[in-house]
PDB file of all heavy atoms in Angstrom:
ATOM      1  N   GLY A   1      99.826  20.962  -4.390  1.00  0.00           N
ATOM      2  CA  GLY A   1     100.858  22.026  -4.481  1.00  0.00           C
ATOM      3  C   GLY A   1     101.667  21.729  -5.699  1.00  0.00           C
ATOM      4  O   GLY A   1     102.128  22.679  -6.471  1.00  0.00           O
ATOM      5  N   ALA A   2     102.133  20.489  -5.842  1.00  0.00           N
ATOM      6  CA  ALA A   2     103.012  20.172  -7.084  1.00  0.00           C
ATOM      7  C   ALA A   2     102.172  20.418  -8.277  1.00  0.00           C
ATOM      8  O   ALA A   2     102.740  20.973  -9.336  1.00  0.00           O
ATOM      9  CB  ALA A   2     103.416  18.602  -7.061  1.00  0.00           C
ATOM     10  N   LEU A   3     100.888  20.109  -8.397  1.00  0.00           N
ATOM     11  CA  LEU A   3     100.047  20.379  -9.609  1.00  0.00           C
ATOM     12  C   LEU A   3      99.968  21.939  -9.859  1.00  0.00           C
ATOM     13  O   LEU A   3      99.936  22.333 -10.935  1.00  0.00           O
ATOM     14  CB  LEU A   3      98.732  19.812  -9.385  1.00  0.00           C
ATOM     15  CG  LEU A   3      97.725  20.008 -10.651  1.00  0.00           C
ATOM     16  CD1 LEU A   3      98.222  19.283 -11.802  1.00  0.00           C
ATOM     17  CD2 LEU A   3      96.304  19.312 -10.278  1.00  0.00           C
ATOM     18  N   GLU A   4      99.925  22.645  -8.755  1.00  0.00           N
ATOM     19  CA  GLU A   4      99.879  24.120  -8.884  1.00  0.00           C
ATOM     20  C   GLU A   4     101.063  24.692  -9.482  1.00  0.00           C
ATOM     21  O   GLU A   4     101.037  25.776 -10.147  1.00  0.00           O
ATOM     22  CB  GLU A   4      99.533  24.806  -7.448  1.00  0.00           C
ATOM     23  CG  GLU A   4      99.545  26.263  -7.379  1.00  0.00           C
ATOM     24  CD  GLU A   4      99.307  26.791  -6.082  1.00  0.00           C
ATOM     25  OE1 GLU A   4      99.326  25.969  -5.071  1.00  0.00           O
ATOM     26  OE2 GLU A   4      99.115  28.037  -5.943  1.00  0.00           O
ATOM     27  N   LEU A   5     102.236  24.105  -9.160  1.00  0.00           N
ATOM     28  CA  LEU A   5     103.441  24.631  -9.669  1.00  0.00           C
ATOM     29  C   LEU A   5     103.831  24.130 -11.064  1.00  0.00           C
ATOM     30  O   LEU A   5     104.977  24.397 -11.620  1.00  0.00           O
ATOM     31  CB  LEU A   5     104.681  24.237  -8.741  1.00  0.00           C
ATOM     32  CG  LEU A   5     104.505  24.861  -7.294  1.00  0.00           C
ATOM     33  CD1 LEU A   5     105.698  24.355  -6.406  1.00  0.00           C
ATOM     34  CD2 LEU A   5     104.540  26.342  -7.453  1.00  0.00           C
ATOM     35  N   ALA A   6     103.054  23.284 -11.662  1.00  0.00           N
ATOM     36  CA  ALA A   6     103.327  22.674 -12.967  1.00  0.00           C
ATOM     37  C   ALA A   6     103.312  23.892 -14.018  1.00  0.00           C
ATOM     38  O   ALA A   6     102.450  24.639 -14.040  1.00  0.00           O
ATOM     39  CB  ALA A   6     102.290  21.578 -13.384  1.00  0.00           C
ATOM     40  N   GLY A   7     104.367  23.898 -14.823  1.00  0.00           N
ATOM     41  CA  GLY A   7     104.421  24.918 -15.820  1.00  0.00           C
ATOM     42  C   GLY A   7     103.581  24.995 -16.834  1.00  0.00           C
ATOM     43  O   GLY A   7     103.175  26.007 -17.517  1.00  0.00           O
ATOM     44  N   ASP A   8     103.013  23.846 -17.348  1.00  0.00           N
ATOM     45  CA  ASP A   8     102.228  23.735 -18.506  1.00  0.00           C
ATOM     46  C   ASP A   8     100.623  23.665 -18.142  1.00  0.00           C
ATOM     47  O   ASP A   8      99.771  23.365 -18.945  1.00  0.00           O
ATOM     48  CB  ASP A   8     102.510  22.347 -19.301  1.00  0.00           C
ATOM     49  CG  ASP A   8     102.342  21.123 -18.387  1.00  0.00           C
ATOM     50  OD1 ASP A   8     102.320  21.315 -17.147  1.00  0.00           O
ATOM     51  OD2 ASP A   8     102.379  20.013 -18.963  1.00  0.00           O
ATOM     52  N   LEU A   9     100.459  24.081 -16.921  1.00  0.00           N
ATOM     53  CA  LEU A   9      99.061  24.079 -16.349  1.00  0.00           C
ATOM     54  C   LEU A   9      98.355  25.354 -16.739  1.00  0.00           C
ATOM     55  O   LEU A   9      98.936  26.461 -16.464  1.00  0.00           O
ATOM     56  CB  LEU A   9      99.009  23.764 -14.942  1.00  0.00           C
ATOM     57  CG  LEU A   9      97.536  23.465 -14.295  1.00  0.00           C
ATOM     58  CD1 LEU A   9      97.086  22.080 -14.880  1.00  0.00           C
ATOM     59  CD2 LEU A   9      97.679  23.526 -12.770  1.00  0.00           C
ATOM     60  N   PRO A  10      97.205  25.489 -17.374  1.00  0.00           N
ATOM     61  CA  PRO A  10      96.454  26.605 -17.677  1.00  0.00           C
ATOM     62  C   PRO A  10      96.222  27.493 -16.356  1.00  0.00           C
ATOM     63  O   PRO A  10      96.049  26.860 -15.265  1.00  0.00           O
ATOM     64  CB  PRO A  10      95.112  26.239 -18.328  1.00  0.00           C
ATOM     65  CG  PRO A  10      95.414  24.835 -18.807  1.00  0.00           C
ATOM     66  CD  PRO A  10      96.393  24.230 -17.938  1.00  0.00           C
ATOM     67  N   PRO A  11      96.018  28.678 -16.388  1.00  0.00           N
ATOM     68  CA  PRO A  11      95.788  29.565 -15.162  1.00  0.00           C
ATOM     69  C   PRO A  11      94.525  29.192 -14.534  1.00  0.00           C
ATOM     70  O   PRO A  11      94.520  29.154 -13.229  1.00  0.00           O
ATOM     71  CB  PRO A  11      95.695  30.972 -15.627  1.00  0.00           C
ATOM     72  CG  PRO A  11      96.550  30.993 -17.077  1.00  0.00           C
ATOM     73  CD  PRO A  11      96.344  29.605 -17.575  1.00  0.00           C
ATOM     74  N   ARG A  12      93.531  28.827 -15.278  1.00  0.00           N
ATOM     75  CA  ARG A  12      92.185  28.364 -14.663  1.00  0.00           C
ATOM     76  C   ARG A  12      92.446  27.141 -13.760  1.00  0.00           C
ATOM     77  O   ARG A  12      91.971  27.039 -12.601  1.00  0.00           O
ATOM     78  CB  ARG A  12      91.153  28.189 -15.634  1.00  0.00           C
ATOM     79  CG  ARG A  12      89.741  27.753 -15.103  1.00  0.00           C
ATOM     80  CD  ARG A  12      88.750  27.882 -16.245  1.00  0.00           C
ATOM     81  NE  ARG A  12      89.073  26.952 -17.328  1.00  0.00           N
ATOM     82  CZ  ARG A  12      88.824  25.650 -17.419  1.00  0.00           C
ATOM     83  NH1 ARG A  12      88.137  25.197 -16.469  1.00  0.00           N
ATOM     84  NH2 ARG A  12      89.088  24.990 -18.422  1.00  0.00           N
ATOM     85  N   HIS A  13      93.131  26.107 -14.295  1.00  0.00           N
ATOM     86  CA  HIS A  13      93.287  24.936 -13.587  1.00  0.00           C
ATOM     87  C   HIS A  13      94.339  25.159 -12.337  1.00  0.00           C
ATOM     88  O   HIS A  13      94.268  24.502 -11.371  1.00  0.00           O
ATOM     89  CB  HIS A  13      93.934  23.855 -14.507  1.00  0.00           C
ATOM     90  CG  HIS A  13      92.950  23.388 -15.505  1.00  0.00           C
ATOM     91  ND1 HIS A  13      93.242  22.677 -16.732  1.00  0.00           N
ATOM     92  CD2 HIS A  13      91.571  23.678 -15.566  1.00  0.00           C
ATOM     93  CE1 HIS A  13      92.161  22.415 -17.370  1.00  0.00           C
ATOM     94  NE2 HIS A  13      91.144  23.164 -16.772  1.00  0.00           N
ATOM     95  N   ARG A  14      95.263  26.105 -12.664  1.00  0.00           N
ATOM     96  CA  ARG A  14      96.244  26.362 -11.547  1.00  0.00           C
ATOM     97  C   ARG A  14      95.471  26.970 -10.343  1.00  0.00           C
ATOM     98  O   ARG A  14      95.780  26.668  -9.185  1.00  0.00           O
ATOM     99  CB  ARG A  14      97.363  27.312 -12.009  1.00  0.00           C
ATOM    100  CG  ARG A  14      98.476  27.559 -10.893  1.00  0.00           C
ATOM    101  CD  ARG A  14      99.614  28.438 -11.477  1.00  0.00           C
ATOM    102  NE  ARG A  14     100.397  27.738 -12.253  1.00  0.00           N
ATOM    103  CZ  ARG A  14     100.411  27.702 -13.627  1.00  0.00           C
ATOM    104  NH1 ARG A  14      99.706  28.705 -14.239  1.00  0.00           N
ATOM    105  NH2 ARG A  14     101.275  27.028 -14.358  1.00  0.00           N
ATOM    106  N   ALA A  15      94.525  27.830 -10.640  1.00  0.00           N
ATOM    107  CA  ALA A  15      93.762  28.391  -9.541  1.00  0.00           C
ATOM    108  C   ALA A  15      92.897  27.422  -8.844  1.00  0.00           C
ATOM    109  O   ALA A  15      92.745  27.373  -7.535  1.00  0.00           O
ATOM    110  CB  ALA A  15      92.863  29.548 -10.177  1.00  0.00           C
ATOM    111  N   ALA A  16      92.346  26.497  -9.586  1.00  0.00           N
ATOM    112  CA  ALA A  16      91.565  25.335  -8.967  1.00  0.00           C
ATOM    113  C   ALA A  16      92.527  24.515  -8.148  1.00  0.00           C
ATOM    114  O   ALA A  16      92.088  24.060  -6.960  1.00  0.00           O
ATOM    115  CB  ALA A  16      90.920  24.509 -10.018  1.00  0.00           C
ATOM    116  N   ALA A  17      93.634  24.189  -8.536  1.00  0.00           N
ATOM    117  CA  ALA A  17      94.713  23.433  -7.753  1.00  0.00           C
ATOM    118  C   ALA A  17      95.005  24.188  -6.469  1.00  0.00           C
ATOM    119  O   ALA A  17      95.104  23.638  -5.373  1.00  0.00           O
ATOM    120  CB  ALA A  17      95.925  23.097  -8.552  1.00  0.00           C
ATOM    121  N   SER A  18      95.262  25.576  -6.562  1.00  0.00           N
ATOM    122  CA  SER A  18      95.452  26.330  -5.347  1.00  0.00           C
ATOM    123  C   SER A  18      94.328  26.249  -4.422  1.00  0.00           C
ATOM    124  O   SER A  18      94.520  26.121  -3.241  1.00  0.00           O
ATOM    125  CB  SER A  18      95.756  27.799  -5.848  1.00  0.00           C
ATOM    126  OG  SER A  18      95.983  28.562  -4.688  1.00  0.00           O
ATOM    127  N   GLU A  19      93.121  26.393  -4.990  1.00  0.00           N
ATOM    128  CA  GLU A  19      91.947  26.278  -4.047  1.00  0.00           C
ATOM    129  C   GLU A  19      91.864  24.873  -3.426  1.00  0.00           C
ATOM    130  O   GLU A  19      91.513  24.729  -2.186  1.00  0.00           O
ATOM    131  CB  GLU A  19      90.695  26.562  -4.830  1.00  0.00           C
ATOM    132  CG  GLU A  19      90.596  28.105  -5.358  1.00  0.00           C
ATOM    133  CD  GLU A  19      89.321  28.315  -6.134  1.00  0.00           C
ATOM    134  OE1 GLU A  19      88.565  27.245  -6.279  1.00  0.00           O
ATOM    135  OE2 GLU A  19      89.071  29.457  -6.558  1.00  0.00           O
ATOM    136  N   LEU A  20      92.127  23.913  -4.177  1.00  0.00           N
ATOM    137  CA  LEU A  20      92.127  22.541  -3.639  1.00  0.00           C
ATOM    138  C   LEU A  20      93.161  22.384  -2.443  1.00  0.00           C
ATOM    139  O   LEU A  20      92.775  21.811  -1.387  1.00  0.00           O
ATOM    140  CB  LEU A  20      92.444  21.484  -4.773  1.00  0.00           C
ATOM    141  CG  LEU A  20      92.467  19.941  -4.284  1.00  0.00           C
ATOM    142  CD1 LEU A  20      91.201  19.540  -3.680  1.00  0.00           C
ATOM    143  CD2 LEU A  20      93.002  19.151  -5.489  1.00  0.00           C
ATOM    144  N   ARG A  21      94.357  22.817  -2.695  1.00  0.00           N
ATOM    145  CA  ARG A  21      95.417  22.747  -1.704  1.00  0.00           C
ATOM    146  C   ARG A  21      94.967  23.497  -0.369  1.00  0.00           C
ATOM    147  O   ARG A  21      95.124  23.108   0.686  1.00  0.00           O
ATOM    148  CB  ARG A  21      96.707  23.319  -2.281  1.00  0.00           C
ATOM    149  CG  ARG A  21      97.874  23.210  -1.184  1.00  0.00           C
ATOM    150  CD  ARG A  21      99.122  23.801  -1.751  1.00  0.00           C
ATOM    151  NE  ARG A  21      98.958  25.207  -2.219  1.00  0.00           N
ATOM    152  CZ  ARG A  21      98.999  26.279  -1.397  1.00  0.00           C
ATOM    153  NH1 ARG A  21      99.095  26.117  -0.163  1.00  0.00           N
ATOM    154  NH2 ARG A  21      98.766  27.477  -1.980  1.00  0.00           N
ATOM    155  N   ALA A  22      94.488  24.713  -0.587  1.00  0.00           N
ATOM    156  CA  ALA A  22      94.019  25.413   0.621  1.00  0.00           C
ATOM    157  C   ALA A  22      92.854  24.830   1.332  1.00  0.00           C
ATOM    158  O   ALA A  22      92.692  24.704   2.529  1.00  0.00           O
ATOM    159  CB  ALA A  22      93.520  26.915   0.103  1.00  0.00           C
ATOM    160  N   GLY A  23      91.902  24.255   0.570  1.00  0.00           N
ATOM    161  CA  GLY A  23      90.739  23.525   1.197  1.00  0.00           C
ATOM    162  C   GLY A  23      91.279  22.336   1.913  1.00  0.00           C
ATOM    163  O   GLY A  23      90.838  22.090   3.022  1.00  0.00           O
ATOM    164  N   VAL A  24      92.155  21.568   1.376  1.00  0.00           N
ATOM    165  CA  VAL A  24      92.680  20.366   2.137  1.00  0.00           C
ATOM    166  C   VAL A  24      93.429  20.805   3.265  1.00  0.00           C
ATOM    167  O   VAL A  24      93.239  20.171   4.403  1.00  0.00           O
ATOM    168  CB  VAL A  24      93.597  19.546   1.181  1.00  0.00           C
ATOM    169  CG1 VAL A  24      94.229  18.482   1.962  1.00  0.00           C
ATOM    170  CG2 VAL A  24      92.713  18.944   0.026  1.00  0.00           C
ATOM    171  N   THR A  25      94.307  21.889   3.207  1.00  0.00           N
ATOM    172  CA  THR A  25      95.050  22.354   4.362  1.00  0.00           C
ATOM    173  C   THR A  25      94.005  22.867   5.489  1.00  0.00           C
ATOM    174  O   THR A  25      94.204  22.479   6.760  1.00  0.00           O
ATOM    175  CB  THR A  25      95.881  23.403   4.024  1.00  0.00           C
ATOM    176  OG1 THR A  25      96.870  23.024   2.971  1.00  0.00           O
ATOM    177  CG2 THR A  25      96.707  23.969   5.190  1.00  0.00           C
ATOM    178  N   THR A  26      92.949  23.484   5.155  1.00  0.00           N
ATOM    179  CA  THR A  26      92.070  23.868   6.243  1.00  0.00           C
ATOM    180  C   THR A  26      91.316  22.735   6.725  1.00  0.00           C
ATOM    181  O   THR A  26      91.084  22.817   7.980  1.00  0.00           O
ATOM    182  CB  THR A  26      90.986  24.853   5.446  1.00  0.00           C
ATOM    183  OG1 THR A  26      91.635  25.944   4.842  1.00  0.00           O
ATOM    184  CG2 THR A  26      89.907  25.371   6.561  1.00  0.00           C
ATOM    185  N   ALA A  27      90.873  21.680   5.940  1.00  0.00           N
ATOM    186  CA  ALA A  27      90.312  20.481   6.454  1.00  0.00           C
ATOM    187  C   ALA A  27      91.153  19.724   7.431  1.00  0.00           C
ATOM    188  O   ALA A  27      90.637  19.419   8.555  1.00  0.00           O
ATOM    189  CB  ALA A  27      89.870  19.591   5.296  1.00  0.00           C
ATOM    190  N   ALA A  28      92.483  19.693   7.194  1.00  0.00           N
ATOM    191  CA  ALA A  28      93.510  19.113   8.087  1.00  0.00           C
ATOM    192  C   ALA A  28      93.502  19.961   9.358  1.00  0.00           C
ATOM    193  O   ALA A  28      93.440  19.259  10.577  1.00  0.00           O
ATOM    194  CB  ALA A  28      94.823  18.978   7.467  1.00  0.00           C
ATOM    195  N   GLU A  29      93.488  21.159   9.277  1.00  0.00           N
ATOM    196  CA  GLU A  29      93.538  22.025  10.663  1.00  0.00           C
ATOM    197  C   GLU A  29      92.227  21.810  11.259  1.00  0.00           C
ATOM    198  O   GLU A  29      92.361  21.753  12.551  1.00  0.00           O
ATOM    199  CB  GLU A  29      93.805  23.504  10.142  1.00  0.00           C
ATOM    200  CG  GLU A  29      95.172  23.683   9.616  1.00  0.00           C
ATOM    201  CD  GLU A  29      95.271  25.201   9.005  1.00  0.00           C
ATOM    202  OE1 GLU A  29      94.352  25.958   9.266  1.00  0.00           O
ATOM    203  OE2 GLU A  29      96.400  25.528   8.576  1.00  0.00           O
ATOM    204  N   ARG A  30      91.076  21.802  10.603  1.00  0.00           N
ATOM    205  CA  ARG A  30      89.853  21.732  11.344  1.00  0.00           C
ATOM    206  C   ARG A  30      89.690  20.350  12.019  1.00  0.00           C
ATOM    207  O   ARG A  30      89.235  20.210  13.157  1.00  0.00           O
ATOM    208  CB  ARG A  30      88.686  21.884  10.377  1.00  0.00           C
ATOM    209  CG  ARG A  30      88.486  23.316   9.842  1.00  0.00           C
ATOM    210  CD  ARG A  30      88.200  24.267  11.016  1.00  0.00           C
ATOM    211  NE  ARG A  30      88.158  25.650  10.492  1.00  0.00           N
ATOM    212  CZ  ARG A  30      89.199  26.386  10.409  1.00  0.00           C
ATOM    213  NH1 ARG A  30      90.430  26.046  10.898  1.00  0.00           N
ATOM    214  NH2 ARG A  30      89.023  27.713  10.030  1.00  0.00           N
ATOM    215  N   LEU A  31      90.306  19.290  11.356  1.00  0.00           N
ATOM    216  CA  LEU A  31      90.289  17.897  11.920  1.00  0.00           C
ATOM    217  C   LEU A  31      91.165  17.935  13.233  1.00  0.00           C
ATOM    218  O   LEU A  31      90.871  17.371  14.094  1.00  0.00           O
ATOM    219  CB  LEU A  31      90.865  16.973  10.953  1.00  0.00           C
ATOM    220  CG  LEU A  31      91.048  15.489  11.449  1.00  0.00           C
ATOM    221  CD1 LEU A  31      89.735  14.928  11.729  1.00  0.00           C
ATOM    222  CD2 LEU A  31      91.806  14.710  10.312  1.00  0.00           C
ATOM    223  N   SER A  32      92.336  18.726  13.172  1.00  0.00           N
ATOM    224  CA  SER A  32      93.026  18.745  14.324  1.00  0.00           C
ATOM    225  C   SER A  32      92.416  19.420  15.479  1.00  0.00           C
ATOM    226  O   SER A  32      92.561  19.115  16.643  1.00  0.00           O
ATOM    227  CB  SER A  32      94.393  19.471  14.057  1.00  0.00           C
ATOM    228  OG  SER A  32      95.329  19.585  15.099  1.00  0.00           O
ATOM    229  N   GLU A  33      91.715  20.519  15.152  1.00  0.00           N
ATOM    230  CA  GLU A  33      90.842  21.331  16.219  1.00  0.00           C
ATOM    231  C   GLU A  33      89.950  20.350  16.829  1.00  0.00           C
ATOM    232  O   GLU A  33      89.747  20.229  18.071  1.00  0.00           O
ATOM    233  CB  GLU A  33      90.134  22.426  15.643  1.00  0.00           C
ATOM    234  CG  GLU A  33      91.072  23.600  15.046  1.00  0.00           C
ATOM    235  CD  GLU A  33      90.264  24.710  14.546  1.00  0.00           C
ATOM    236  OE1 GLU A  33      89.003  24.887  14.883  1.00  0.00           O
ATOM    237  OE2 GLU A  33      90.664  25.446  13.623  1.00  0.00           O
ATOM    238  N   ILE A  34      89.121  19.564  15.945  1.00  0.00           N
ATOM    239  CA  ILE A  34      88.072  18.776  16.591  1.00  0.00           C
ATOM    240  C   ILE A  34      88.692  17.517  17.468  1.00  0.00           C
ATOM    241  O   ILE A  34      88.203  17.319  18.534  1.00  0.00           O
ATOM    242  CB  ILE A  34      87.142  18.118  15.537  1.00  0.00           C
ATOM    243  CG1 ILE A  34      86.466  19.233  14.653  1.00  0.00           C
ATOM    244  CG2 ILE A  34      86.215  17.107  15.912  1.00  0.00           C
ATOM    245  CD1 ILE A  34      85.797  18.912  13.441  1.00  0.00           C
ATOM    246  N   ILE A  35      89.662  17.017  16.875  1.00  0.00           N
ATOM    247  CA  ILE A  35      90.249  15.927  17.738  1.00  0.00           C
ATOM    248  C   ILE A  35      90.842  16.403  19.078  1.00  0.00           C
ATOM    249  O   ILE A  35      90.851  15.807  20.120  1.00  0.00           O
ATOM    250  CB  ILE A  35      91.285  15.158  16.915  1.00  0.00           C
ATOM    251  CG1 ILE A  35      90.676  14.510  15.619  1.00  0.00           C
ATOM    252  CG2 ILE A  35      92.000  14.067  17.597  1.00  0.00           C
ATOM    253  CD1 ILE A  35      89.512  13.498  15.908  1.00  0.00           C
ATOM    254  N   GLY A  36      91.481  17.613  19.009  1.00  0.00           N
ATOM    255  CA  GLY A  36      92.088  18.232  20.155  1.00  0.00           C
ATOM    256  C   GLY A  36      91.024  18.453  21.217  1.00  0.00           C
ATOM    257  O   GLY A  36      91.254  18.361  22.364  1.00  0.00           O
ATOM    258  N   LEU A  37      89.749  18.872  20.815  1.00  0.00           N
ATOM    259  CA  LEU A  37      88.652  19.026  21.840  1.00  0.00           C
ATOM    260  C   LEU A  37      88.213  17.814  22.363  1.00  0.00           C
ATOM    261  O   LEU A  37      87.774  17.698  23.467  1.00  0.00           O
ATOM    262  CB  LEU A  37      87.466  19.748  21.088  1.00  0.00           C
ATOM    263  CG  LEU A  37      87.815  21.229  20.641  1.00  0.00           C
ATOM    264  CD1 LEU A  37      86.526  21.686  19.943  1.00  0.00           C
ATOM    265  CD2 LEU A  37      88.216  22.094  21.896  1.00  0.00           C
TER     266      LEU A  37
END
């Protein structure tokens, strides 16, 4: 998320950082689901 907000980051890299943050967040949520079961 900090990398996504960097002002000197090209749009293509900012989009990649946004996808990385979303993927990590989804992975954390899926991990919580599995452990909860």
